[in-house]
Amino acid sequence: MVAGHSRCGGFTLIEVMLALMIMGLVFMGSQAIVSRVITMAQDVDRRQSMEQHVRVCSWVMNADLGSVLYSDGNKTAMATYLVFFGGRNLPKALDAPDDEEIFLSFATAAAMTFTGFFPSHSMVRVEYVLRKDAERQGTFLLIRRETPLPQLPLRTGAARPYMETDLAAGIKDVRLSFQSNRGEWSPDWDNRAKLLAGQWHLPFQVRVTLTLLDKEERSKTLEIVSNLPLRVIPAGVGRTLAQ
């Protein structure tokens, strides 16, 4: 009589270890893929955020410069509330904060009111300000500051109301160029000096070049080129506005 032999079912130790190794490789591969996808998504978000800041800065500054105001018959107005100046080398105001620099200032018909459309065509004075970023050494915050012309003080140094809008952070390497009616380029412009010299009051074209840095120090260069379609304020109107 022949006795039957039974074979126990199951996996050997080698098979179990091989299966665990394969599972580990699959898990690590999946984790690497997920991590890569998350990193790529974050990178896309950062790039989109930077592009958005570039578009906003370009749109707002072009709207302001495209609606600049001046008067060809009121020299007092042109030297006060309609004054146009810009550049990085101009003398700093005595009451200006140490951490701020006004690099562009002019009157415009493009008020930034969030109760309606921008530009709203209200008459305001606009200042573009570079404020040192306390959190990122060597960079600035780009700020737009506006004051309605009727609310401008009549005397120098008096307090005035204004609205500030933060346009972008991580700003550096800001450069300006102003083209005169003779085709000459200059890094700064002050129409008060132009008036005294009997020259044309405002530049024909303004170029602003700046660099935006994200938190990973990746840079994006923005160049704004704006031709100034001048809007004349008739002589005599300015006094009413100033009051």
C-alpha atoms as a PDB file:
ATOM      1  CA  MET A   1       0.000   0.000   0.000  1.00  0.00           C
ATOM      2  CA  VAL A   2       1.423   3.348  -1.055  1.00  0.00           C
ATOM      3  CA  ALA A   3       1.033   6.221   1.406  1.00  0.00           C
ATOM      4  CA  GLY A   4       0.085   9.703  -0.018  1.00  0.00           C
ATOM      5  CA  HIS A   5       2.246  12.758   0.707  1.00  0.00           C
ATOM      6  CA  SER A   6       0.577  16.200   1.216  1.00  0.00           C
ATOM      7  CA  ARG A   7       2.404  19.528   0.390  1.00  0.00           C
ATOM      8  CA  CYS A   8       1.748  22.511   2.677  1.00  0.00           C
ATOM      9  CA  GLY A   9       0.484  25.624   0.790  1.00  0.00           C
ATOM     10  CA  GLY A  10       1.901  29.184   1.239  1.00  0.00           C
ATOM     11  CA  PHE A  11       4.795  31.458   0.229  1.00  0.00           C
ATOM     12  CA  THR A  12       8.418  30.976   0.955  1.00  0.00           C
ATOM     13  CA  LEU A  13      10.424  33.642   2.786  1.00  0.00           C
ATOM     14  CA  ILE A  14      12.151  34.623  -0.444  1.00  0.00           C
ATOM     15  CA  GLU A  15       8.816  35.145  -2.196  1.00  0.00           C
ATOM     16  CA  VAL A  16       7.516  37.289   0.659  1.00  0.00           C
ATOM     17  CA  MET A  17      10.655  39.433   0.690  1.00  0.00           C
ATOM     18  CA  LEU A  18      10.501  39.812  -3.091  1.00  0.00           C
ATOM     19  CA  ALA A  19       6.866  40.932  -2.895  1.00  0.00           C
ATOM     20  CA  LEU A  20       7.674  43.446  -0.149  1.00  0.00           C
ATOM     21  CA  MET A  21      10.563  44.823  -2.187  1.00  0.00           C
ATOM     22  CA  ILE A  22       8.327  45.268  -5.230  1.00  0.00           C
ATOM     23  CA  MET A  23       5.677  46.995  -3.097  1.00  0.00           C
ATOM     24  CA  GLY A  24       8.326  49.304  -1.664  1.00  0.00           C
ATOM     25  CA  LEU A  25       9.588  50.223  -5.127  1.00  0.00           C
ATOM     26  CA  VAL A  26       6.045  50.910  -6.315  1.00  0.00           C
ATOM     27  CA  PHE A  27       5.355  53.060  -3.229  1.00  0.00           C
ATOM     28  CA  MET A  28       8.558  55.067  -3.613  1.00  0.00           C
ATOM     29  CA  GLY A  29       7.889  55.559  -7.303  1.00  0.00           C
ATOM     30  CA  SER A  30       4.346  56.739  -6.626  1.00  0.00           C
ATOM     31  CA  GLN A  31       5.562  59.076  -3.877  1.00  0.00           C
ATOM     32  CA  ALA A  32       8.193  60.555  -6.195  1.00  0.00           C
ATOM     33  CA  ILE A  33       5.582  61.123  -8.906  1.00  0.00           C
ATOM     34  CA  VAL A  34       3.146  62.763  -6.469  1.00  0.00           C
ATOM     35  CA  SER A  35       5.929  64.946  -5.033  1.00  0.00           C
ATOM     36  CA  ARG A  36       6.986  65.969  -8.535  1.00  0.00           C
ATOM     37  CA  VAL A  37       3.410  66.823  -9.509  1.00  0.00           C
ATOM     38  CA  ILE A  38       2.966  68.939  -6.352  1.00  0.00           C
ATOM     39  CA  THR A  39       6.256  70.748  -7.002  1.00  0.00           C
ATOM     40  CA  MET A  40       5.282  71.441 -10.611  1.00  0.00           C
ATOM     41  CA  ALA A  41       1.850  72.716  -9.527  1.00  0.00           C
ATOM     42  CA  GLN A  42       3.449  75.056  -6.973  1.00  0.00           C
ATOM     43  CA  ASP A  43       5.923  76.265  -9.591  1.00  0.00           C
ATOM     44  CA  VAL A  44       3.081  76.988 -12.024  1.00  0.00           C
ATOM     45  CA  ASP A  45       1.203  78.897  -9.302  1.00  0.00           C
ATOM     46  CA  ARG A  46       4.265  81.017  -8.520  1.00  0.00           C
ATOM     47  CA  ARG A  47       4.860  81.777 -12.188  1.00  0.00           C
ATOM     48  CA  GLN A  48       1.208  82.672 -12.700  1.00  0.00           C
ATOM     49  CA  SER A  49       1.329  84.933  -9.644  1.00  0.00           C
ATOM     50  CA  MET A  50       4.416  86.701 -11.009  1.00  0.00           C
ATOM     51  CA  GLU A  51       2.817  87.076 -14.442  1.00  0.00           C
ATOM     52  CA  GLN A  52      -0.283  88.498 -12.781  1.00  0.00           C
ATOM     53  CA  HIS A  53       1.782  91.098 -10.915  1.00  0.00           C
ATOM     54  CA  VAL A  54       3.529  92.010 -14.179  1.00  0.00           C
ATOM     55  CA  ARG A  55       0.208  92.477 -15.972  1.00  0.00           C
ATOM     56  CA  VAL A  56      -1.266  94.548 -13.133  1.00  0.00           C
ATOM     57  CA  CYS A  57       1.783  96.835 -12.884  1.00  0.00           C
ATOM     58  CA  SER A  58       1.869  97.352 -16.639  1.00  0.00           C
ATOM     59  CA  TRP A  59      -1.864  97.971 -16.924  1.00  0.00           C
ATOM     60  CA  VAL A  60      -2.088 100.427 -14.019  1.00  0.00           C
ATOM     61  CA  MET A  61       1.005 102.432 -14.939  1.00  0.00           C
ATOM     62  CA  ASN A  62       0.006 102.661 -18.603  1.00  0.00           C
ATOM     63  CA  ALA A  63      -3.493 103.803 -17.605  1.00  0.00           C
ATOM     64  CA  ASP A  64      -2.027 106.522 -15.373  1.00  0.00           C
ATOM     65  CA  LEU A  65       0.544 107.776 -17.867  1.00  0.00           C
ATOM     66  CA  GLY A  66      -1.967 107.525 -20.689  1.00  0.00           C
ATOM     67  CA  SER A  67      -4.243 109.977 -18.856  1.00  0.00           C
ATOM     68  CA  VAL A  68      -1.638 112.494 -17.666  1.00  0.00           C
ATOM     69  CA  LEU A  69      -2.880 116.061 -17.123  1.00  0.00           C
ATOM     70  CA  TYR A  70      -1.147 119.353 -17.782  1.00  0.00           C
ATOM     71  CA  SER A  71      -1.888 123.004 -18.504  1.00  0.00           C
ATOM     72  CA  ASP A  72      -0.304 124.960 -21.325  1.00  0.00           C
ATOM     73  CA  GLY A  73      -1.520 128.324 -20.012  1.00  0.00           C
ATOM     74  CA  ASN A  74      -1.197 128.096 -16.226  1.00  0.00           C
ATOM     75  CA  LYS A  75       2.443 128.060 -15.121  1.00  0.00           C
ATOM     76  CA  THR A  76       1.466 128.195 -11.445  1.00  0.00           C
ATOM     77  CA  ALA A  77      -0.526 124.987 -11.840  1.00  0.00           C
ATOM     78  CA  MET A  78       2.309 123.307 -13.733  1.00  0.00           C
ATOM     79  CA  ALA A  79       4.714 124.133 -10.911  1.00  0.00           C
ATOM     80  CA  THR A  80       2.393 122.911  -8.128  1.00  0.00           C
ATOM     81  CA  TYR A  81      -0.409 120.352  -8.293  1.00  0.00           C
ATOM     82  CA  LEU A  82       0.131 119.508 -11.993  1.00  0.00           C
ATOM     83  CA  VAL A  83       3.886 119.121 -11.620  1.00  0.00           C
ATOM     84  CA  PHE A  84       5.423 116.110 -13.405  1.00  0.00           C
ATOM     85  CA  PHE A  85       8.670 114.655 -12.122  1.00  0.00           C
ATOM     86  CA  GLY A  86      10.389 111.297 -12.121  1.00  0.00           C
ATOM     87  CA  GLY A  87      13.734 109.552 -11.813  1.00  0.00           C
ATOM     88  CA  ARG A  88      16.020 107.944  -9.242  1.00  0.00           C
ATOM     89  CA  ASN A  89      18.417 110.893  -8.864  1.00  0.00           C
ATOM     90  CA  LEU A  90      16.063 113.708  -7.876  1.00  0.00           C
ATOM     91  CA  PRO A  91      16.427 115.425  -4.466  1.00  0.00           C
ATOM     92  CA  LYS A  92      14.392 113.781  -1.732  1.00  0.00           C
ATOM     93  CA  ALA A  93      11.704 115.762   0.086  1.00  0.00           C
ATOM     94  CA  LEU A  94      12.642 116.789   3.634  1.00  0.00           C
ATOM     95  CA  ASP A  95       9.548 115.138   5.133  1.00  0.00           C
ATOM     96  CA  ALA A  96       9.919 111.904   3.126  1.00  0.00           C
ATOM     97  CA  PRO A  97      10.409 108.685   5.159  1.00  0.00           C
ATOM     98  CA  ASP A  98      13.900 107.203   5.066  1.00  0.00           C
ATOM     99  CA  ASP A  99      12.649 103.884   3.695  1.00  0.00           C
ATOM    100  CA  GLU A 100      10.687 105.400   0.798  1.00  0.00           C
ATOM    101  CA  GLU A 101      11.552 106.839  -2.591  1.00  0.00           C
ATOM    102  CA  ILE A 102       9.079 108.532  -4.937  1.00  0.00           C
ATOM    103  CA  PHE A 103      10.324 107.755  -8.439  1.00  0.00           C
ATOM    104  CA  LEU A 104       7.357 109.027 -10.448  1.00  0.00           C
ATOM    105  CA  SER A 105       4.767 111.718  -9.633  1.00  0.00           C
ATOM    106  CA  PHE A 106       2.178 113.447 -11.832  1.00  0.00           C
ATOM    107  CA  ALA A 107      -1.478 114.409 -12.213  1.00  0.00           C
ATOM    108  CA  THR A 108      -3.760 112.039 -14.083  1.00  0.00           C
ATOM    109  CA  ALA A 109      -7.395 111.446 -14.965  1.00  0.00           C
ATOM    110  CA  ALA A 110      -7.152 107.760 -13.993  1.00  0.00           C
ATOM    111  CA  ALA A 111      -8.313 107.488 -10.386  1.00  0.00           C
ATOM    112  CA  MET A 112      -8.264 103.997  -8.889  1.00  0.00           C
ATOM    113  CA  THR A 113     -11.698 103.809  -7.280  1.00  0.00           C
ATOM    114  CA  PHE A 114     -12.905 100.310  -6.507  1.00  0.00           C
ATOM    115  CA  THR A 115     -16.542 101.396  -6.520  1.00  0.00           C
ATOM    116  CA  GLY A 116     -16.562 101.575 -10.310  1.00  0.00           C
ATOM    117  CA  PHE A 117     -14.378 101.046 -13.334  1.00  0.00           C
ATOM    118  CA  PHE A 118     -10.666 101.810 -13.522  1.00  0.00           C
ATOM    119  CA  PRO A 119      -9.689 104.299 -14.768  1.00  0.00           C
ATOM    120  CA  SER A 120     -12.612 106.305 -13.419  1.00  0.00           C
ATOM    121  CA  HIS A 121     -11.471 109.583 -15.088  1.00  0.00           C
ATOM    122  CA  SER A 122     -11.460 111.488 -11.795  1.00  0.00           C
ATOM    123  CA  MET A 123      -8.527 113.888 -11.487  1.00  0.00           C
ATOM    124  CA  VAL A 124      -5.894 112.819  -8.955  1.00  0.00           C
ATOM    125  CA  ARG A 125      -2.210 113.195  -8.160  1.00  0.00           C
ATOM    126  CA  VAL A 126      -0.382 109.898  -8.406  1.00  0.00           C
ATOM    127  CA  GLU A 127       2.921 108.908  -6.838  1.00  0.00           C
ATOM    128  CA  TYR A 128       4.761 105.689  -7.556  1.00  0.00           C
ATOM    129  CA  VAL A 129       6.745 104.765  -4.479  1.00  0.00           C
ATOM    130  CA  LEU A 130       9.542 102.292  -3.768  1.00  0.00           C
ATOM    131  CA  ARG A 131       9.441 101.232  -0.127  1.00  0.00           C
ATOM    132  CA  LYS A 132      12.224  99.083   1.309  1.00  0.00           C
ATOM    133  CA  ASP A 133      10.994  95.568   2.061  1.00  0.00           C
ATOM    134  CA  ALA A 134      11.916  94.788   5.668  1.00  0.00           C
ATOM    135  CA  GLU A 135      11.482  91.045   5.044  1.00  0.00           C
ATOM    136  CA  ARG A 136      13.696  90.828   1.935  1.00  0.00           C
ATOM    137  CA  GLN A 137      16.892  92.830   2.007  1.00  0.00           C
ATOM    138  CA  GLY A 138      17.795  94.608  -1.209  1.00  0.00           C
ATOM    139  CA  THR A 139      14.261  94.615  -2.631  1.00  0.00           C
ATOM    140  CA  PHE A 140      11.370  97.066  -2.598  1.00  0.00           C
ATOM    141  CA  LEU A 141       7.611  97.123  -2.461  1.00  0.00           C
ATOM    142  CA  LEU A 142       6.042  98.910  -5.426  1.00  0.00           C
ATOM    143  CA  ILE A 143       3.245 101.181  -4.199  1.00  0.00           C
ATOM    144  CA  ARG A 144       0.823 103.449  -6.011  1.00  0.00           C
ATOM    145  CA  ARG A 145      -0.391 106.435  -3.993  1.00  0.00           C
ATOM    146  CA  GLU A 146      -3.143 108.791  -5.131  1.00  0.00           C
ATOM    147  CA  THR A 147      -4.761 111.975  -3.810  1.00  0.00           C
ATOM    148  CA  PRO A 148      -7.787 113.704  -5.402  1.00  0.00           C
ATOM    149  CA  LEU A 149      -6.764 117.107  -6.769  1.00  0.00           C
ATOM    150  CA  PRO A 150      -9.452 118.991  -4.770  1.00  0.00           C
ATOM    151  CA  GLN A 151      -7.988 117.546  -1.536  1.00  0.00           C
ATOM    152  CA  LEU A 152      -4.410 118.639  -2.148  1.00  0.00           C
ATOM    153  CA  PRO A 153      -3.205 121.130   0.506  1.00  0.00           C
ATOM    154  CA  LEU A 154      -2.434 124.676  -0.590  1.00  0.00           C
ATOM    155  CA  ARG A 155       0.766 124.902   1.439  1.00  0.00           C
ATOM    156  CA  THR A 156       3.853 122.723   1.259  1.00  0.00           C
ATOM    157  CA  GLY A 157       4.302 120.211   4.058  1.00  0.00           C
ATOM    158  CA  ALA A 158       0.652 120.126   5.089  1.00  0.00           C
ATOM    159  CA  ALA A 159      -0.905 116.731   5.695  1.00  0.00           C
ATOM    160  CA  ARG A 160      -2.913 115.336   2.806  1.00  0.00           C
ATOM    161  CA  PRO A 161      -5.176 112.310   2.460  1.00  0.00           C
ATOM    162  CA  TYR A 162      -4.158 109.553   0.091  1.00  0.00           C
ATOM    163  CA  MET A 163      -4.982 105.989  -0.857  1.00  0.00           C
ATOM    164  CA  GLU A 164      -2.198 103.427  -1.181  1.00  0.00           C
ATOM    165  CA  THR A 165      -2.290 100.330  -3.360  1.00  0.00           C
ATOM    166  CA  ASP A 166       0.406  97.649  -3.141  1.00  0.00           C
ATOM    167  CA  LEU A 167       1.211  96.587  -6.698  1.00  0.00           C
ATOM    168  CA  ALA A 168       4.090  94.139  -6.259  1.00  0.00           C
ATOM    169  CA  ALA A 169       6.854  92.937  -3.937  1.00  0.00           C
ATOM    170  CA  GLY A 170      10.381  91.760  -4.685  1.00  0.00           C
ATOM    171  CA  ILE A 171      11.174  94.797  -6.856  1.00  0.00           C
ATOM    172  CA  LYS A 172      14.747  95.750  -7.775  1.00  0.00           C
ATOM    173  CA  ASP A 173      16.781  97.402 -10.546  1.00  0.00           C
ATOM    174  CA  VAL A 174      14.239 100.142 -11.299  1.00  0.00           C
ATOM    175  CA  ARG A 175      15.340 102.349 -14.194  1.00  0.00           C
ATOM    176  CA  LEU A 176      13.550 105.240 -15.897  1.00  0.00           C
ATOM    177  CA  SER A 177      14.036 107.048 -19.194  1.00  0.00           C
ATOM    178  CA  PHE A 178      12.247 110.158 -20.424  1.00  0.00           C
ATOM    179  CA  GLN A 179      12.215 111.295 -24.054  1.00  0.00           C
ATOM    180  CA  SER A 180      11.928 114.995 -24.811  1.00  0.00           C
ATOM    181  CA  ASN A 181      10.231 116.562 -27.817  1.00  0.00           C
ATOM    182  CA  ARG A 182      13.701 116.815 -29.361  1.00  0.00           C
ATOM    183  CA  GLY A 183      14.204 113.057 -29.187  1.00  0.00           C
ATOM    184  CA  GLU A 184      16.742 113.300 -26.349  1.00  0.00           C
ATOM    185  CA  TRP A 185      16.667 110.771 -23.501  1.00  0.00           C
ATOM    186  CA  SER A 186      17.229 111.534 -19.824  1.00  0.00           C
ATOM    187  CA  PRO A 187      17.160 109.358 -16.666  1.00  0.00           C
ATOM    188  CA  ASP A 188      15.103 111.958 -14.782  1.00  0.00           C
ATOM    189  CA  TRP A 189      12.578 114.707 -15.479  1.00  0.00           C
ATOM    190  CA  ASP A 190      11.298 117.732 -13.593  1.00  0.00           C
ATOM    191  CA  ASN A 191       8.947 119.993 -15.514  1.00  0.00           C
ATOM    192  CA  ARG A 192       9.597 122.883 -13.100  1.00  0.00           C
ATOM    193  CA  ALA A 193      13.155 123.073 -14.414  1.00  0.00           C
ATOM    194  CA  LYS A 194      11.828 122.743 -17.963  1.00  0.00           C
ATOM    195  CA  LEU A 195       9.497 125.695 -17.383  1.00  0.00           C
ATOM    196  CA  LEU A 196      12.344 127.884 -16.140  1.00  0.00           C
ATOM    197  CA  ALA A 197      14.415 126.935 -19.181  1.00  0.00           C
ATOM    198  CA  GLY A 198      11.550 127.705 -21.552  1.00  0.00           C
ATOM    199  CA  GLN A 199      11.395 124.102 -22.760  1.00  0.00           C
ATOM    200  CA  TRP A 200       8.487 121.735 -23.352  1.00  0.00           C
ATOM    201  CA  HIS A 201       6.828 120.802 -20.072  1.00  0.00           C
ATOM    202  CA  LEU A 202       6.343 117.048 -20.314  1.00  0.00           C
ATOM    203  CA  PRO A 203       8.185 114.103 -21.847  1.00  0.00           C
ATOM    204  CA  PHE A 204       6.841 112.601 -25.043  1.00  0.00           C
ATOM    205  CA  GLN A 205       7.557 109.077 -23.863  1.00  0.00           C
ATOM    206  CA  VAL A 206       8.274 107.393 -20.520  1.00  0.00           C
ATOM    207  CA  ARG A 207      10.039 104.052 -20.117  1.00  0.00           C
ATOM    208  CA  VAL A 208      10.112 102.179 -16.830  1.00  0.00           C
ATOM    209  CA  THR A 209      12.161  98.992 -16.485  1.00  0.00           C
ATOM    210  CA  LEU A 210      12.163  96.907 -13.320  1.00  0.00           C
ATOM    211  CA  THR A 211      12.855  93.371 -12.130  1.00  0.00           C
ATOM    212  CA  LEU A 212      10.458  91.261 -10.066  1.00  0.00           C
ATOM    213  CA  LEU A 213      11.835  88.477  -7.862  1.00  0.00           C
ATOM    214  CA  ASP A 214       9.747  85.655  -6.423  1.00  0.00           C
ATOM    215  CA  LYS A 215      10.559  83.937  -3.122  1.00  0.00           C
ATOM    216  CA  GLU A 216      12.868  81.486  -4.916  1.00  0.00           C
ATOM    217  CA  GLU A 217      14.811  84.455  -6.388  1.00  0.00           C
ATOM    218  CA  ARG A 218      13.601  83.758  -9.925  1.00  0.00           C
ATOM    219  CA  SER A 219      13.356  86.991 -11.850  1.00  0.00           C
ATOM    220  CA  LYS A 220      11.029  88.550 -14.396  1.00  0.00           C
ATOM    221  CA  THR A 221      11.881  91.788 -16.203  1.00  0.00           C
ATOM    222  CA  LEU A 222       9.093  94.252 -16.890  1.00  0.00           C
ATOM    223  CA  GLU A 223       9.450  97.129 -19.351  1.00  0.00           C
ATOM    224  CA  ILE A 224       6.661  99.686 -19.607  1.00  0.00           C
ATOM    225  CA  VAL A 225       6.749 102.047 -22.579  1.00  0.00           C
ATOM    226  CA  SER A 226       4.107 104.760 -22.529  1.00  0.00           C
ATOM    227  CA  ASN A 227       3.509 107.607 -24.952  1.00  0.00           C
ATOM    228  CA  LEU A 228       1.831 110.541 -23.242  1.00  0.00           C
ATOM    229  CA  PRO A 229      -1.430 111.645 -24.906  1.00  0.00           C
ATOM    230  CA  LEU A 230      -1.633 115.003 -23.184  1.00  0.00           C
ATOM    231  CA  ARG A 231      -4.918 116.247 -21.758  1.00  0.00           C
ATOM    232  CA  VAL A 232      -5.012 120.006 -21.386  1.00  0.00           C
ATOM    233  CA  ILE A 233      -6.480 121.660 -18.279  1.00  0.00           C
ATOM    234  CA  PRO A 234      -7.632 125.134 -19.431  1.00  0.00           C
ATOM    235  CA  ALA A 235      -6.114 128.152 -17.720  1.00  0.00           C
ATOM    236  CA  GLY A 236      -8.163 129.243 -14.709  1.00  0.00           C
ATOM    237  CA  VAL A 237      -9.599 125.810 -13.914  1.00  0.00           C
ATOM    238  CA  GLY A 238      -6.687 124.865 -11.708  1.00  0.00           C
ATOM    239  CA  ARG A 239      -7.452 127.403  -8.997  1.00  0.00           C
ATOM    240  CA  THR A 240     -10.917 125.956  -8.538  1.00  0.00           C
ATOM    241  CA  LEU A 241      -9.500 122.431  -8.297  1.00  0.00           C
ATOM    242  CA  ALA A 242      -6.860 123.429  -5.775  1.00  0.00           C
ATOM    243  CA  GLN A 243      -9.461 124.899  -3.486  1.00  0.00           C
END
